[in-house]
Amino acid sequence: MIQDRLDKIEDKLKQSNTIKDNDKAELLNLVKTLRKEIADLSRTHHEQAESVAGFAELSAHEATRSEKSLELFNLSIEGLTSSVQGFEVSHPRLVELINTFCTMLARLGI
């Protein structure tokens, strides 16, 4: 299920007409790295890993919508950021990647 969500994120990003090609490539590369980090988290914290993947999918959806809603985007980013709280010590790379992902999505013009 986690990998399915990450597949959906990749598909959404690839199909988006609202993201510049260089940003799209950078986001896709980031999602590729997130796959490994979320898989590592799921070995010990499966439900939290599901939450991270779910909020990442939702955030990507809100960022790539043709009719964007700032309120929904902010809620999805807040959920994504909250989903990795507490993992700064055990999974610092994951937290760093999620923060980068959120920043990149925010730069897309929301």
Protein backbone atom coordinates (compact mmCIF):
# COMPACT_ATOMS: atom_id res chain seq x y z
CA MET A 1 0.00 0.00 0.00
CA ILE A 2 2.83 2.40 0.79
CA GLN A 3 4.50 1.72 -2.53
CA ASP A 4 1.15 2.17 -4.30
CA ARG A 5 0.83 5.63 -2.77
CA LEU A 6 4.35 6.52 -3.89
CA ASP A 7 3.53 5.22 -7.38
CA LYS A 8 0.50 7.54 -7.43
CA ILE A 9 2.69 10.48 -6.42
CA GLU A 10 5.10 9.72 -9.27
CA ASP A 11 2.24 9.36 -11.75
CA LYS A 12 0.64 12.61 -10.58
CA LEU A 13 3.94 14.48 -10.92
CA LYS A 14 4.72 12.98 -14.34
CA GLN A 15 1.28 13.88 -15.69
CA SER A 16 1.17 17.38 -14.23
CA ASN A 17 1.05 20.24 -16.69
CA THR A 18 1.52 22.79 -13.91
CA ILE A 19 5.09 21.82 -12.96
CA LYS A 20 8.16 22.90 -14.93
CA ASP A 21 10.28 20.04 -16.28
CA ASN A 22 13.30 20.77 -14.10
CA ASP A 23 11.12 20.93 -10.94
CA LYS A 24 9.36 17.76 -12.02
CA ALA A 25 12.66 15.91 -12.42
CA GLU A 26 13.84 17.10 -9.01
CA LEU A 27 10.59 16.06 -7.33
CA LEU A 28 10.62 12.65 -9.00
CA ASN A 29 14.18 12.09 -7.83
CA LEU A 30 13.14 13.09 -4.33
CA VAL A 31 10.23 10.62 -4.38
CA LYS A 32 12.63 7.90 -5.47
CA THR A 33 14.77 8.59 -2.40
CA LEU A 34 11.68 8.81 -0.19
CA ARG A 35 10.76 5.25 -1.22
CA LYS A 36 13.77 3.85 0.58
CA GLU A 37 13.38 6.03 3.66
CA ILE A 38 9.68 5.26 4.05
CA ALA A 39 10.37 1.55 3.52
CA ASP A 40 12.97 1.71 6.30
CA LEU A 41 10.47 3.41 8.60
CA SER A 42 7.77 0.85 7.80
CA ARG A 43 9.92 -1.98 9.15
CA THR A 44 9.50 -0.66 12.69
CA HIS A 45 6.66 1.87 12.44
CA HIS A 46 4.32 0.62 9.72
CA GLU A 47 1.30 2.77 10.61
CA GLN A 48 3.39 5.93 10.78
CA ALA A 49 4.97 5.07 7.42
CA GLU A 50 1.45 4.72 5.97
CA SER A 51 0.62 8.17 7.32
CA VAL A 52 3.75 9.71 5.83
CA ALA A 53 3.02 8.15 2.43
CA GLY A 54 -0.65 9.16 2.61
CA PHE A 55 0.05 12.78 3.46
CA ALA A 56 2.79 12.91 0.80
CA GLU A 57 0.28 11.67 -1.77
CA LEU A 58 -2.31 14.20 -0.61
CA SER A 59 0.22 17.04 -0.67
CA ALA A 60 1.31 16.16 -4.20
CA HIS A 61 -2.33 16.04 -5.26
CA GLU A 62 -3.08 19.48 -3.81
CA ALA A 63 0.08 20.97 -5.34
CA THR A 64 -0.69 19.67 -8.83
CA ARG A 65 -4.41 20.48 -9.01
CA SER A 66 -5.39 22.79 -11.83
CA GLU A 67 -7.67 24.71 -9.44
CA LYS A 68 -5.54 25.04 -6.35
CA SER A 69 -6.87 25.62 -2.85
CA LEU A 70 -4.39 27.29 -0.52
CA GLU A 71 -6.32 26.05 2.52
CA LEU A 72 -6.29 22.40 1.42
CA PHE A 73 -2.65 22.60 0.38
CA ASN A 74 -1.64 24.06 3.74
CA LEU A 75 -3.61 21.37 5.59
CA SER A 76 -1.94 18.61 3.58
CA ILE A 77 1.54 20.05 4.18
CA GLU A 78 0.79 20.44 7.89
CA GLY A 79 -0.30 16.79 8.03
CA LEU A 80 2.82 15.67 6.19
CA THR A 81 5.11 17.66 8.46
CA SER A 82 3.32 16.34 11.55
CA SER A 83 3.57 12.75 10.30
CA VAL A 84 7.37 12.78 10.63
CA GLN A 85 7.57 14.57 13.97
CA GLY A 86 9.41 12.48 16.50
CA PHE A 87 11.63 10.79 13.92
CA GLU A 88 14.34 13.46 13.88
CA VAL A 89 16.75 11.19 15.79
CA SER A 90 15.84 7.73 14.46
CA HIS A 91 15.17 8.72 10.82
CA PRO A 92 16.80 12.12 10.23
CA ARG A 93 17.13 11.59 6.48
CA LEU A 94 13.39 10.97 6.16
CA VAL A 95 12.59 14.17 8.05
CA GLU A 96 15.04 16.10 5.87
CA LEU A 97 13.53 14.69 2.67
CA ILE A 98 9.98 15.46 3.78
CA ASN A 99 10.96 19.03 4.64
CA THR A 100 12.56 19.40 1.20
CA PHE A 101 9.49 17.88 -0.47
CA CYS A 102 7.19 20.33 1.36
CA THR A 103 9.39 23.28 0.42
CA MET A 104 9.50 22.26 -3.23
CA LEU A 105 5.74 21.81 -3.41
CA ALA A 106 5.23 25.20 -1.79
CA ARG A 107 7.48 26.79 -4.43
CA LEU A 108 5.22 25.53 -7.21
CA GLY A 109 3.09 28.62 -6.90
CA ILE A 110 0.47 27.73 -4.35
